[in-house]
Amino acid sequence: MSSADIVGIDAGAVNRWFRTLGVDFAGPLTYDRIGLGQSNLTYLVRDREGRRWVLRRPPLGHRLESAHDVAREARILTALEGTAVPTPRVLGLTDDPLVTDVPLLLMEFVDGQVADRMSVARSLTPERRRAIGMSLPRTLAKIHAVELEATGLTGLASHKPYAQRQLKRWSVQWEKSRTRELPALEDLTRRLAAAVPEQRELTLVHGDFHLRNVITSHDNGEVTAVLDWELSTLGDPLADMGSLLAYWPEPGEEETGGDFAASALEGFPDRAELAQAYLAETGRDPAALTFWHVLGLWKVAVIAEGVMRRAIDEPRNRSATGTPTVERIDALVDKACRVADEAGI
């Protein structure tokens, strides 16, 4: 694809910006849209000698600003350098109007396996699938062990109770982005608000941790980089584990995974194994985790509705794999209601 064909960036202006960063490169640079990119858009940048970088920008058209803040993402990634959390290194951030009309974030390229498509997941051996799956809760434990004061992240977000903040924030996002009436989701919102567990600690929370948002080692399946930090905040660490479970359909539940039900393939651990690995590592409350699993499903449904709405409003935001469907969103809400019923929520 020629530079003139790249949607969302001015290649000539970005080339000039590169020269100011002290990055060693041999022009011309080329840009290719990569990933599933249904929120922030991501591009693989290459020079003529084969070196690679990753460039990020917010989605095209109207967007909910708080959900796509790449400058905030850059701050978090920079703070995490030197911690046990595997992340790509930030190389540059700009909102210079001579370069771009939205903030741009440049990061190092981390080589590895990204199991973000069913074809990739199917190509893995069952042993590699299990290794990747079991690495996820261990990586979450590292994120939740980050020392906020040492990394300068104590002021990243409010220290008020996280569940109430999440319910308020995503209810607002639902109202801004919904395409229809969905009484089951609104009833579930009320049930969650009435069942909030006591928050016992405040940690860094990734906010969107799942299989598609990590890079894993070609050698052993361990997570080598955690991506997509724009939703990261401070809150209850069990929220991240609940979200991971929400993104983890088991055999027979493929409808909730939409176009990506990789975790239902042979070899991937089931949700109980993931939860046990995390709880054994951290000693946190299994009862509270069930609440966060339900809230995770609720939140994934809200996010999916927003992705669907952005694709309707601006077709160029569609990724190569398409967008969530009404049927998938309804299945997520139905699954959340069943988990809530079983837990007495």
C-alpha atoms as a PDB file:
ATOM      1  CA  MET A   1       0.000   0.000   0.000  1.00  0.00           C
ATOM      2  CA  SER A   2       1.387   3.407  -0.933  1.00  0.00           C
ATOM      3  CA  SER A   3       1.728   6.147   1.651  1.00  0.00           C
ATOM      4  CA  ALA A   4      -0.997   8.124  -0.085  1.00  0.00           C
ATOM      5  CA  ASP A   5      -3.449   5.280   0.578  1.00  0.00           C
ATOM      6  CA  ILE A   6      -2.970   5.144   4.354  1.00  0.00           C
ATOM      7  CA  VAL A   7      -6.161   6.194   6.118  1.00  0.00           C
ATOM      8  CA  GLY A   8      -5.743   8.216   9.292  1.00  0.00           C
ATOM      9  CA  ILE A   9      -2.160   9.503   9.043  1.00  0.00           C
ATOM     10  CA  ASP A  10      -0.180  11.962   6.926  1.00  0.00           C
ATOM     11  CA  ALA A  11       2.786   9.782   5.973  1.00  0.00           C
ATOM     12  CA  GLY A  12       4.949  12.685   4.834  1.00  0.00           C
ATOM     13  CA  ALA A  13       4.425  14.583   8.090  1.00  0.00           C
ATOM     14  CA  VAL A  14       5.082  11.475  10.181  1.00  0.00           C
ATOM     15  CA  ASN A  15       8.297  10.841   8.219  1.00  0.00           C
ATOM     16  CA  ARG A  16       9.467  14.353   9.154  1.00  0.00           C
ATOM     17  CA  TRP A  17       8.506  13.760  12.803  1.00  0.00           C
ATOM     18  CA  PHE A  18      10.574  10.541  12.836  1.00  0.00           C
ATOM     19  CA  ARG A  19      13.690  12.589  12.064  1.00  0.00           C
ATOM     20  CA  THR A  20      13.189  14.610  15.273  1.00  0.00           C
ATOM     21  CA  LEU A  21      13.020  11.548  17.557  1.00  0.00           C
ATOM     22  CA  GLY A  22      16.571  10.283  17.318  1.00  0.00           C
ATOM     23  CA  VAL A  23      15.282   6.993  15.905  1.00  0.00           C
ATOM     24  CA  ASP A  24      17.767   5.329  13.580  1.00  0.00           C
ATOM     25  CA  PHE A  25      15.959   4.607  10.307  1.00  0.00           C
ATOM     26  CA  ALA A  26      16.560   4.463   6.575  1.00  0.00           C
ATOM     27  CA  GLY A  27      13.772   6.066   4.571  1.00  0.00           C
ATOM     28  CA  PRO A  28      11.399   5.865   2.947  1.00  0.00           C
ATOM     29  CA  LEU A  29       9.063   4.558   5.630  1.00  0.00           C
ATOM     30  CA  THR A  30       6.018   2.465   4.789  1.00  0.00           C
ATOM     31  CA  TYR A  31       2.812   2.168   6.831  1.00  0.00           C
ATOM     32  CA  ASP A  32       0.394  -0.744   7.013  1.00  0.00           C
ATOM     33  CA  ARG A  33      -2.726  -1.005   9.155  1.00  0.00           C
ATOM     34  CA  ILE A  34      -2.378  -3.998  11.475  1.00  0.00           C
ATOM     35  CA  GLY A  35      -4.335  -5.705  14.213  1.00  0.00           C
ATOM     36  CA  LEU A  36      -8.070  -5.734  14.559  1.00  0.00           C
ATOM     37  CA  GLY A  37      -8.078  -2.016  15.265  1.00  0.00           C
ATOM     38  CA  GLN A  38     -11.683  -1.433  16.239  1.00  0.00           C
ATOM     39  CA  SER A  39     -10.756   1.222  18.812  1.00  0.00           C
ATOM     40  CA  ASN A  40      -7.393   2.950  18.447  1.00  0.00           C
ATOM     41  CA  LEU A  41      -5.917   2.387  14.983  1.00  0.00           C
ATOM     42  CA  THR A  42      -2.535   0.665  14.795  1.00  0.00           C
ATOM     43  CA  TYR A  43       0.040   0.737  11.982  1.00  0.00           C
ATOM     44  CA  LEU A  44       3.203  -1.248  11.346  1.00  0.00           C
ATOM     45  CA  VAL A  45       5.967   1.120  10.233  1.00  0.00           C
ATOM     46  CA  ARG A  46       8.918  -0.270   8.237  1.00  0.00           C
ATOM     47  CA  ASP A  47      12.051   1.257   6.799  1.00  0.00           C
ATOM     48  CA  ARG A  48      13.939   0.031   3.753  1.00  0.00           C
ATOM     49  CA  GLU A  49      16.315  -2.044   5.890  1.00  0.00           C
ATOM     50  CA  GLY A  50      13.486  -4.012   7.489  1.00  0.00           C
ATOM     51  CA  ARG A  51      13.403  -2.295  10.884  1.00  0.00           C
ATOM     52  CA  ARG A  52       9.926  -2.060  12.400  1.00  0.00           C
ATOM     53  CA  TRP A  53       7.955   0.170  14.760  1.00  0.00           C
ATOM     54  CA  VAL A  54       4.320   0.510  15.819  1.00  0.00           C
ATOM     55  CA  LEU A  55       2.264   3.702  15.484  1.00  0.00           C
ATOM     56  CA  ARG A  56      -1.069   4.297  17.254  1.00  0.00           C
ATOM     57  CA  ARG A  57      -3.816   6.923  16.840  1.00  0.00           C
ATOM     58  CA  PRO A  58      -7.453   7.287  18.005  1.00  0.00           C
ATOM     59  CA  PRO A  59     -10.264   5.999  15.764  1.00  0.00           C
ATOM     60  CA  LEU A  60     -11.554   8.052  12.866  1.00  0.00           C
ATOM     61  CA  GLY A  61     -14.593  10.297  13.123  1.00  0.00           C
ATOM     62  CA  HIS A  62     -16.512  10.995  16.324  1.00  0.00           C
ATOM     63  CA  ARG A  63     -15.101   9.232  19.386  1.00  0.00           C
ATOM     64  CA  LEU A  64     -15.644   9.108  23.121  1.00  0.00           C
ATOM     65  CA  GLU A  65     -12.450  10.893  24.147  1.00  0.00           C
ATOM     66  CA  SER A  66     -11.865   9.148  27.446  1.00  0.00           C
ATOM     67  CA  ALA A  67     -11.866   5.726  25.798  1.00  0.00           C
ATOM     68  CA  HIS A  68      -9.169   6.422  23.181  1.00  0.00           C
ATOM     69  CA  ASP A  69      -6.542   8.552  24.917  1.00  0.00           C
ATOM     70  CA  VAL A  70      -3.191   7.537  23.404  1.00  0.00           C
ATOM     71  CA  ALA A  71      -1.343  10.218  25.395  1.00  0.00           C
ATOM     72  CA  ARG A  72      -2.554   8.556  28.587  1.00  0.00           C
ATOM     73  CA  GLU A  73      -1.513   5.193  27.186  1.00  0.00           C
ATOM     74  CA  ALA A  74       1.980   6.595  26.561  1.00  0.00           C
ATOM     75  CA  ARG A  75       2.193   7.828  30.154  1.00  0.00           C
ATOM     76  CA  ILE A  76       1.330   4.382  31.516  1.00  0.00           C
ATOM     77  CA  LEU A  77       3.727   2.532  29.233  1.00  0.00           C
ATOM     78  CA  THR A  78       6.544   4.902  30.164  1.00  0.00           C
ATOM     79  CA  ALA A  79       5.814   4.421  33.872  1.00  0.00           C
ATOM     80  CA  LEU A  80       5.935   0.642  33.490  1.00  0.00           C
ATOM     81  CA  GLU A  81       9.408   0.576  31.946  1.00  0.00           C
ATOM     82  CA  GLY A  82      11.683  -1.228  34.373  1.00  0.00           C
ATOM     83  CA  THR A  83       8.855  -3.063  36.172  1.00  0.00           C
ATOM     84  CA  ALA A  84       8.099  -6.788  35.892  1.00  0.00           C
ATOM     85  CA  VAL A  85       5.215  -6.003  33.506  1.00  0.00           C
ATOM     86  CA  PRO A  86       6.214  -6.760  29.894  1.00  0.00           C
ATOM     87  CA  THR A  87       5.410  -3.762  27.685  1.00  0.00           C
ATOM     88  CA  PRO A  88       6.682  -2.135  24.479  1.00  0.00           C
ATOM     89  CA  ARG A  89       8.938   0.907  24.957  1.00  0.00           C
ATOM     90  CA  VAL A  90       7.583   4.354  24.043  1.00  0.00           C
ATOM     91  CA  LEU A  91       9.688   6.169  21.435  1.00  0.00           C
ATOM     92  CA  GLY A  92       7.622   9.262  20.767  1.00  0.00           C
ATOM     93  CA  LEU A  93       4.313  11.058  21.308  1.00  0.00           C
ATOM     94  CA  THR A  94       3.046  14.093  19.414  1.00  0.00           C
ATOM     95  CA  ASP A  95      -0.038  16.222  18.923  1.00  0.00           C
ATOM     96  CA  ASP A  96       1.817  18.810  16.829  1.00  0.00           C
ATOM     97  CA  PRO A  97      -0.725  20.142  14.285  1.00  0.00           C
ATOM     98  CA  LEU A  98       2.039  20.208  11.670  1.00  0.00           C
ATOM     99  CA  VAL A  99       2.216  16.416  12.029  1.00  0.00           C
ATOM    100  CA  THR A 100      -1.270  15.249  12.922  1.00  0.00           C
ATOM    101  CA  ASP A 101      -4.776  16.332  13.862  1.00  0.00           C
ATOM    102  CA  VAL A 102      -4.902  13.747  16.696  1.00  0.00           C
ATOM    103  CA  PRO A 103      -2.251  12.455  19.120  1.00  0.00           C
ATOM    104  CA  LEU A 104       0.157   9.886  17.677  1.00  0.00           C
ATOM    105  CA  LEU A 105       2.104   7.351  19.754  1.00  0.00           C
ATOM    106  CA  LEU A 106       5.214   5.585  18.431  1.00  0.00           C
ATOM    107  CA  MET A 107       6.399   2.405  20.153  1.00  0.00           C
ATOM    108  CA  GLU A 108       9.039  -0.235  19.651  1.00  0.00           C
ATOM    109  CA  PHE A 109       8.015  -3.342  17.734  1.00  0.00           C
ATOM    110  CA  VAL A 110       7.933  -6.461  19.911  1.00  0.00           C
ATOM    111  CA  ASP A 111       8.337  -9.634  17.889  1.00  0.00           C
ATOM    112  CA  GLY A 112       6.262 -12.629  18.908  1.00  0.00           C
ATOM    113  CA  GLN A 113       2.984 -14.488  18.485  1.00  0.00           C
ATOM    114  CA  VAL A 114      -0.288 -12.544  18.528  1.00  0.00           C
ATOM    115  CA  ALA A 115      -3.166 -15.018  18.664  1.00  0.00           C
ATOM    116  CA  ASP A 116      -5.765 -12.497  17.520  1.00  0.00           C
ATOM    117  CA  ARG A 117      -7.410 -14.570  14.777  1.00  0.00           C
ATOM    118  CA  MET A 118      -8.931 -18.011  14.770  1.00  0.00           C
ATOM    119  CA  SER A 119      -6.543 -19.095  12.019  1.00  0.00           C
ATOM    120  CA  VAL A 120      -3.582 -18.267  14.284  1.00  0.00           C
ATOM    121  CA  ALA A 121      -5.137 -19.962  17.320  1.00  0.00           C
ATOM    122  CA  ARG A 122      -5.878 -23.099  15.294  1.00  0.00           C
ATOM    123  CA  SER A 123      -2.262 -23.227  14.075  1.00  0.00           C
ATOM    124  CA  LEU A 124      -0.983 -23.595  17.641  1.00  0.00           C
ATOM    125  CA  THR A 125      -0.443 -26.978  19.267  1.00  0.00           C
ATOM    126  CA  PRO A 126      -2.660 -27.789  22.273  1.00  0.00           C
ATOM    127  CA  GLU A 127       0.492 -27.612  24.434  1.00  0.00           C
ATOM    128  CA  ARG A 128       1.278 -24.079  23.204  1.00  0.00           C
ATOM    129  CA  ARG A 129      -2.338 -22.995  23.713  1.00  0.00           C
ATOM    130  CA  ARG A 130      -2.176 -24.148  27.302  1.00  0.00           C
ATOM    131  CA  ALA A 131       1.145 -22.387  27.903  1.00  0.00           C
ATOM    132  CA  ILE A 132      -0.253 -19.117  26.540  1.00  0.00           C
ATOM    133  CA  GLY A 133      -3.457 -19.442  28.543  1.00  0.00           C
ATOM    134  CA  MET A 134      -1.719 -20.145  31.829  1.00  0.00           C
ATOM    135  CA  SER A 135       0.671 -17.225  31.278  1.00  0.00           C
ATOM    136  CA  LEU A 136      -2.247 -14.772  31.262  1.00  0.00           C
ATOM    137  CA  PRO A 137      -3.218 -14.885  34.969  1.00  0.00           C
ATOM    138  CA  ARG A 138       0.473 -14.788  35.946  1.00  0.00           C
ATOM    139  CA  THR A 139       0.892 -11.645  33.859  1.00  0.00           C
ATOM    140  CA  LEU A 140      -2.163 -10.064  35.468  1.00  0.00           C
ATOM    141  CA  ALA A 141      -0.657 -10.749  38.874  1.00  0.00           C
ATOM    142  CA  LYS A 142       2.446  -8.785  37.771  1.00  0.00           C
ATOM    143  CA  ILE A 143       0.302  -5.838  36.658  1.00  0.00           C
ATOM    144  CA  HIS A 144      -1.549  -5.807  39.972  1.00  0.00           C
ATOM    145  CA  ALA A 145       1.716  -5.918  41.924  1.00  0.00           C
ATOM    146  CA  VAL A 146       3.033  -2.668  40.408  1.00  0.00           C
ATOM    147  CA  GLU A 147       3.997  -0.163  43.104  1.00  0.00           C
ATOM    148  CA  LEU A 148       1.952   2.941  42.350  1.00  0.00           C
ATOM    149  CA  GLU A 149       4.160   5.411  44.199  1.00  0.00           C
ATOM    150  CA  ALA A 150       7.397   4.056  42.741  1.00  0.00           C
ATOM    151  CA  THR A 151       6.036   4.345  39.193  1.00  0.00           C
ATOM    152  CA  GLY A 152       4.359   7.720  39.664  1.00  0.00           C
ATOM    153  CA  LEU A 153       0.924   6.290  38.925  1.00  0.00           C
ATOM    154  CA  THR A 154      -0.866   7.200  42.176  1.00  0.00           C
ATOM    155  CA  GLY A 155      -2.545  10.129  40.415  1.00  0.00           C
ATOM    156  CA  LEU A 156      -3.562   8.174  37.322  1.00  0.00           C
ATOM    157  CA  ALA A 157      -7.225   7.965  38.333  1.00  0.00           C
ATOM    158  CA  SER A 158      -9.676   8.395  41.162  1.00  0.00           C
ATOM    159  CA  HIS A 159      -9.194   6.364  44.320  1.00  0.00           C
ATOM    160  CA  LYS A 160     -12.963   6.109  44.865  1.00  0.00           C
ATOM    161  CA  PRO A 161     -14.580   2.630  44.864  1.00  0.00           C
ATOM    162  CA  TYR A 162     -13.935   1.100  41.464  1.00  0.00           C
ATOM    163  CA  ALA A 163     -17.110  -0.905  40.865  1.00  0.00           C
ATOM    164  CA  GLN A 164     -19.297   2.174  41.221  1.00  0.00           C
ATOM    165  CA  ARG A 165     -16.968   4.120  38.909  1.00  0.00           C
ATOM    166  CA  GLN A 166     -17.128   1.353  36.304  1.00  0.00           C
ATOM    167  CA  LEU A 167     -20.901   1.064  36.469  1.00  0.00           C
ATOM    168  CA  LYS A 168     -21.281   4.825  36.085  1.00  0.00           C
ATOM    169  CA  ARG A 169     -18.720   5.178  33.299  1.00  0.00           C
ATOM    170  CA  TRP A 170     -19.929   2.329  31.133  1.00  0.00           C
ATOM    171  CA  SER A 171     -23.581   3.197  31.685  1.00  0.00           C
ATOM    172  CA  VAL A 172     -22.780   6.625  30.244  1.00  0.00           C
ATOM    173  CA  GLN A 173     -20.909   5.012  27.340  1.00  0.00           C
ATOM    174  CA  TRP A 174     -23.939   2.783  26.714  1.00  0.00           C
ATOM    175  CA  GLU A 175     -26.241   5.789  26.541  1.00  0.00           C
ATOM    176  CA  LYS A 176     -23.905   7.575  24.127  1.00  0.00           C
ATOM    177  CA  SER A 177     -23.307   4.632  21.814  1.00  0.00           C
ATOM    178  CA  ARG A 178     -26.312   2.299  21.995  1.00  0.00           C
ATOM    179  CA  THR A 179     -28.154   1.583  18.768  1.00  0.00           C
ATOM    180  CA  ARG A 180     -31.382   0.267  20.331  1.00  0.00           C
ATOM    181  CA  GLU A 181     -33.300  -0.453  23.504  1.00  0.00           C
ATOM    182  CA  LEU A 182     -31.985  -3.439  25.476  1.00  0.00           C
ATOM    183  CA  PRO A 183     -33.976  -3.833  28.716  1.00  0.00           C
ATOM    184  CA  ALA A 184     -32.027  -6.964  29.775  1.00  0.00           C
ATOM    185  CA  LEU A 185     -28.786  -4.980  29.912  1.00  0.00           C
ATOM    186  CA  GLU A 186     -30.367  -2.147  31.865  1.00  0.00           C
ATOM    187  CA  ASP A 187     -31.864  -4.633  34.357  1.00  0.00           C
ATOM    188  CA  LEU A 188     -28.433  -6.269  34.731  1.00  0.00           C
ATOM    189  CA  THR A 189     -26.937  -2.832  35.440  1.00  0.00           C
ATOM    190  CA  ARG A 190     -29.334  -2.402  38.354  1.00  0.00           C
ATOM    191  CA  ARG A 191     -28.550  -5.891  39.685  1.00  0.00           C
ATOM    192  CA  LEU A 192     -24.818  -5.229  39.595  1.00  0.00           C
ATOM    193  CA  ALA A 193     -25.206  -1.887  41.374  1.00  0.00           C
ATOM    194  CA  ALA A 194     -27.038  -3.661  44.197  1.00  0.00           C
ATOM    195  CA  ALA A 195     -24.406  -6.413  44.574  1.00  0.00           C
ATOM    196  CA  VAL A 196     -21.088  -4.517  44.684  1.00  0.00           C
ATOM    197  CA  PRO A 197     -18.568  -6.285  46.963  1.00  0.00           C
ATOM    198  CA  GLU A 198     -16.367  -4.383  49.385  1.00  0.00           C
ATOM    199  CA  GLN A 199     -13.203  -3.058  47.750  1.00  0.00           C
ATOM    200  CA  ARG A 200     -10.192  -4.115  49.815  1.00  0.00           C
ATOM    201  CA  GLU A 201      -7.300  -2.677  47.796  1.00  0.00           C
ATOM    202  CA  LEU A 202      -6.394  -0.298  44.983  1.00  0.00           C
ATOM    203  CA  THR A 203      -3.980  -1.353  42.234  1.00  0.00           C
ATOM    204  CA  LEU A 204      -3.135  -0.636  38.638  1.00  0.00           C
ATOM    205  CA  VAL A 205      -5.853  -2.151  36.430  1.00  0.00           C
ATOM    206  CA  HIS A 206      -5.269  -2.811  32.719  1.00  0.00           C
ATOM    207  CA  GLY A 207      -8.944  -2.426  31.846  1.00  0.00           C
ATOM    208  CA  ASP A 208      -9.043  -4.573  28.687  1.00  0.00           C
ATOM    209  CA  PHE A 209      -6.856  -7.613  29.323  1.00  0.00           C
ATOM    210  CA  HIS A 210      -7.491 -10.598  27.035  1.00  0.00           C
ATOM    211  CA  LEU A 211      -5.815 -12.959  24.580  1.00  0.00           C
ATOM    212  CA  ARG A 212      -5.858 -10.538  21.647  1.00  0.00           C
ATOM    213  CA  ASN A 213      -4.111  -7.810  23.631  1.00  0.00           C
ATOM    214  CA  VAL A 214      -0.874  -9.656  24.381  1.00  0.00           C
ATOM    215  CA  ILE A 215       2.197 -10.775  22.450  1.00  0.00           C
ATOM    216  CA  THR A 216       3.602 -14.165  23.427  1.00  0.00           C
ATOM    217  CA  SER A 217       6.972 -15.832  22.940  1.00  0.00           C
ATOM    218  CA  HIS A 218       7.496 -18.023  19.892  1.00  0.00           C
ATOM    219  CA  ASP A 219       9.642 -20.225  22.131  1.00  0.00           C
ATOM    220  CA  ASN A 220       7.477 -20.979  25.158  1.00  0.00           C
ATOM    221  CA  GLY A 221       4.158 -19.102  24.958  1.00  0.00           C
ATOM    222  CA  GLU A 222       4.920 -16.705  27.841  1.00  0.00           C
ATOM    223  CA  VAL A 223       3.526 -13.175  27.520  1.00  0.00           C
ATOM    224  CA  THR A 224       6.295 -10.871  26.245  1.00  0.00           C
ATOM    225  CA  ALA A 225       4.244  -7.657  25.869  1.00  0.00           C
ATOM    226  CA  VAL A 226       0.877  -6.416  27.104  1.00  0.00           C
ATOM    227  CA  LEU A 227      -0.786  -4.031  24.646  1.00  0.00           C
ATOM    228  CA  ASP A 228      -3.708  -1.562  24.526  1.00  0.00           C
ATOM    229  CA  TRP A 229      -3.405   0.345  27.799  1.00  0.00           C
ATOM    230  CA  GLU A 230      -5.783   3.201  26.942  1.00  0.00           C
ATOM    231  CA  LEU A 231      -8.457   1.921  29.351  1.00  0.00           C
ATOM    232  CA  SER A 232      -5.983   1.384  32.206  1.00  0.00           C
ATOM    233  CA  THR A 233      -6.857   2.959  35.542  1.00  0.00           C
ATOM    234  CA  LEU A 234      -6.633   2.432  39.307  1.00  0.00           C
ATOM    235  CA  GLY A 235      -9.150   0.112  40.884  1.00  0.00           C
ATOM    236  CA  ASP A 236     -10.003  -3.355  42.122  1.00  0.00           C
ATOM    237  CA  PRO A 237      -7.558  -5.884  40.640  1.00  0.00           C
ATOM    238  CA  LEU A 238     -10.258  -8.558  40.408  1.00  0.00           C
ATOM    239  CA  ALA A 239     -11.880  -6.459  37.673  1.00  0.00           C
ATOM    240  CA  ASP A 240      -9.138  -7.468  35.233  1.00  0.00           C
ATOM    241  CA  MET A 241      -9.529 -11.141  36.056  1.00  0.00           C
ATOM    242  CA  GLY A 242     -13.296 -10.824  35.637  1.00  0.00           C
ATOM    243  CA  SER A 243     -12.785  -9.275  32.210  1.00  0.00           C
ATOM    244  CA  LEU A 244     -10.412 -12.055  31.179  1.00  0.00           C
ATOM    245  CA  LEU A 245     -13.045 -14.630  32.150  1.00  0.00           C
ATOM    246  CA  ALA A 246     -15.666 -12.661  30.217  1.00  0.00           C
ATOM    247  CA  TYR A 247     -13.516 -12.869  27.082  1.00  0.00           C
ATOM    248  CA  TRP A 248     -12.947 -16.624  27.598  1.00  0.00           C
ATOM    249  CA  PRO A 249     -15.770 -18.754  26.127  1.00  0.00           C
ATOM    250  CA  GLU A 250     -15.582 -22.490  26.737  1.00  0.00           C
ATOM    251  CA  PRO A 251     -16.712 -25.283  24.367  1.00  0.00           C
ATOM    252  CA  GLY A 252     -20.432 -24.829  23.669  1.00  0.00           C
ATOM    253  CA  GLU A 253     -20.310 -21.070  24.339  1.00  0.00           C
ATOM    254  CA  GLU A 254     -18.806 -20.004  21.029  1.00  0.00           C
ATOM    255  CA  GLU A 255     -21.617 -17.506  20.368  1.00  0.00           C
ATOM    256  CA  THR A 256     -20.324 -15.170  23.076  1.00  0.00           C
ATOM    257  CA  GLY A 257     -16.923 -15.115  21.387  1.00  0.00           C
ATOM    258  CA  GLY A 258     -18.338 -13.846  18.119  1.00  0.00           C
ATOM    259  CA  ASP A 259     -15.742 -14.267  15.380  1.00  0.00           C
ATOM    260  CA  PHE A 260     -13.106 -15.212  17.988  1.00  0.00           C
ATOM    261  CA  ALA A 261     -13.811 -18.140  20.296  1.00  0.00           C
ATOM    262  CA  ALA A 262     -10.200 -19.330  20.448  1.00  0.00           C
ATOM    263  CA  SER A 263     -10.370 -20.306  24.118  1.00  0.00           C
ATOM    264  CA  ALA A 264     -12.864 -23.054  23.238  1.00  0.00           C
ATOM    265  CA  LEU A 265     -10.130 -24.854  21.261  1.00  0.00           C
ATOM    266  CA  GLU A 266      -8.427 -27.942  22.697  1.00  0.00           C
ATOM    267  CA  GLY A 267      -5.532 -27.123  24.995  1.00  0.00           C
ATOM    268  CA  PHE A 268      -6.601 -23.738  26.308  1.00  0.00           C
ATOM    269  CA  PRO A 269      -7.331 -23.904  30.061  1.00  0.00           C
ATOM    270  CA  ASP A 270     -10.924 -23.392  31.160  1.00  0.00           C
ATOM    271  CA  ARG A 271     -12.127 -20.437  33.212  1.00  0.00           C
ATOM    272  CA  ALA A 272     -11.865 -22.347  36.496  1.00  0.00           C
ATOM    273  CA  GLU A 273      -8.190 -23.093  35.847  1.00  0.00           C
ATOM    274  CA  LEU A 274      -7.456 -19.455  34.988  1.00  0.00           C
ATOM    275  CA  ALA A 275      -9.239 -18.244  38.101  1.00  0.00           C
ATOM    276  CA  GLN A 276      -7.485 -20.801  40.320  1.00  0.00           C
ATOM    277  CA  ALA A 277      -4.063 -19.858  38.932  1.00  0.00           C
ATOM    278  CA  TYR A 278      -4.686 -16.166  39.610  1.00  0.00           C
ATOM    279  CA  LEU A 279      -6.187 -16.691  43.072  1.00  0.00           C
ATOM    280  CA  ALA A 280      -3.356 -19.035  44.071  1.00  0.00           C
ATOM    281  CA  GLU A 281      -0.806 -16.434  42.957  1.00  0.00           C
ATOM    282  CA  THR A 282      -2.486 -13.475  44.687  1.00  0.00           C
ATOM    283  CA  GLY A 283      -4.626 -14.857  47.539  1.00  0.00           C
ATOM    284  CA  ARG A 284      -7.596 -12.726  46.503  1.00  0.00           C
ATOM    285  CA  ASP A 285     -11.322 -13.360  47.164  1.00  0.00           C
ATOM    286  CA  PRO A 286     -12.988 -15.976  44.892  1.00  0.00           C
ATOM    287  CA  ALA A 287     -16.510 -14.821  45.817  1.00  0.00           C
ATOM    288  CA  ALA A 288     -15.812 -11.264  44.695  1.00  0.00           C
ATOM    289  CA  LEU A 289     -14.342 -12.596  41.461  1.00  0.00           C
ATOM    290  CA  THR A 290     -17.767 -13.910  40.393  1.00  0.00           C
ATOM    291  CA  PHE A 291     -19.223 -10.394  40.643  1.00  0.00           C
ATOM    292  CA  TRP A 292     -16.401  -9.110  38.453  1.00  0.00           C
ATOM    293  CA  HIS A 293     -16.987 -11.890  35.913  1.00  0.00           C
ATOM    294  CA  VAL A 294     -20.604 -10.710  35.515  1.00  0.00           C
ATOM    295  CA  LEU A 295     -19.531  -7.075  35.330  1.00  0.00           C
ATOM    296  CA  GLY A 296     -16.894  -8.087  32.769  1.00  0.00           C
ATOM    297  CA  LEU A 297     -19.528  -9.666  30.499  1.00  0.00           C
ATOM    298  CA  TRP A 298     -21.735  -6.582  30.916  1.00  0.00           C
ATOM    299  CA  LYS A 299     -18.834  -4.301  30.037  1.00  0.00           C
ATOM    300  CA  VAL A 300     -17.804  -6.374  26.982  1.00  0.00           C
ATOM    301  CA  ALA A 301     -21.389  -6.063  25.721  1.00  0.00           C
ATOM    302  CA  VAL A 302     -21.277  -2.270  26.157  1.00  0.00           C
ATOM    303  CA  ILE A 303     -17.905  -2.050  24.389  1.00  0.00           C
ATOM    304  CA  ALA A 304     -19.161  -4.240  21.536  1.00  0.00           C
ATOM    305  CA  GLU A 305     -22.179  -1.988  21.079  1.00  0.00           C
ATOM    306  CA  GLY A 306     -19.832   1.008  20.875  1.00  0.00           C
ATOM    307  CA  VAL A 307     -17.690  -0.716  18.242  1.00  0.00           C
ATOM    308  CA  MET A 308     -20.822  -1.519  16.247  1.00  0.00           C
ATOM    309  CA  ARG A 309     -22.000   2.087  16.551  1.00  0.00           C
ATOM    310  CA  ARG A 310     -18.633   3.511  15.374  1.00  0.00           C
ATOM    311  CA  ALA A 311     -18.667   1.201  12.350  1.00  0.00           C
ATOM    312  CA  ILE A 312     -22.191   2.360  11.478  1.00  0.00           C
ATOM    313  CA  ASP A 313     -21.267   6.031  11.877  1.00  0.00           C
ATOM    314  CA  GLU A 314     -17.906   5.773  10.080  1.00  0.00           C
ATOM    315  CA  PRO A 315     -17.448   2.659   7.892  1.00  0.00           C
ATOM    316  CA  ARG A 316     -13.686   3.264   7.649  1.00  0.00           C
ATOM    317  CA  ASN A 317     -13.417   2.212  11.323  1.00  0.00           C
ATOM    318  CA  ARG A 318     -14.356  -1.357  10.380  1.00  0.00           C
ATOM    319  CA  SER A 319     -11.543  -3.860  10.791  1.00  0.00           C
ATOM    320  CA  ALA A 320     -10.785  -6.704   8.399  1.00  0.00           C
ATOM    321  CA  THR A 321     -12.768  -9.125  10.569  1.00  0.00           C
ATOM    322  CA  GLY A 322     -15.886  -6.975  10.649  1.00  0.00           C
ATOM    323  CA  THR A 323     -17.717  -5.746  13.729  1.00  0.00           C
ATOM    324  CA  PRO A 324     -19.776  -7.218  16.583  1.00  0.00           C
ATOM    325  CA  THR A 325     -23.351  -8.147  15.765  1.00  0.00           C
ATOM    326  CA  VAL A 326     -26.600  -7.604  17.641  1.00  0.00           C
ATOM    327  CA  GLU A 327     -26.805 -11.379  18.103  1.00  0.00           C
ATOM    328  CA  ARG A 328     -23.390 -11.556  19.770  1.00  0.00           C
ATOM    329  CA  ILE A 329     -24.131  -8.630  22.082  1.00  0.00           C
ATOM    330  CA  ASP A 330     -27.449 -10.190  23.100  1.00  0.00           C
ATOM    331  CA  ALA A 331     -25.649 -13.509  23.771  1.00  0.00           C
ATOM    332  CA  LEU A 332     -23.152 -11.745  26.043  1.00  0.00           C
ATOM    333  CA  VAL A 333     -25.949 -10.125  28.052  1.00  0.00           C
ATOM    334  CA  ASP A 334     -27.762 -13.468  28.295  1.00  0.00           C
ATOM    335  CA  LYS A 335     -24.577 -15.184  29.511  1.00  0.00           C
ATOM    336  CA  ALA A 336     -24.026 -12.443  32.100  1.00  0.00           C
ATOM    337  CA  CYS A 337     -27.571 -12.871  33.400  1.00  0.00           C
ATOM    338  CA  ARG A 338     -27.088 -16.652  33.750  1.00  0.00           C
ATOM    339  CA  VAL A 339     -23.801 -16.213  35.680  1.00  0.00           C
ATOM    340  CA  ALA A 340     -25.483 -13.589  37.866  1.00  0.00           C
ATOM    341  CA  ASP A 341     -28.437 -15.926  38.559  1.00  0.00           C
ATOM    342  CA  GLU A 342     -26.071 -18.738  39.605  1.00  0.00           C
ATOM    343  CA  ALA A 343     -24.179 -16.367  41.926  1.00  0.00           C
ATOM    344  CA  GLY A 344     -27.308 -14.907  43.493  1.00  0.00           C
ATOM    345  CA  ILE A 345     -26.598 -11.426  42.086  1.00  0.00           C
END
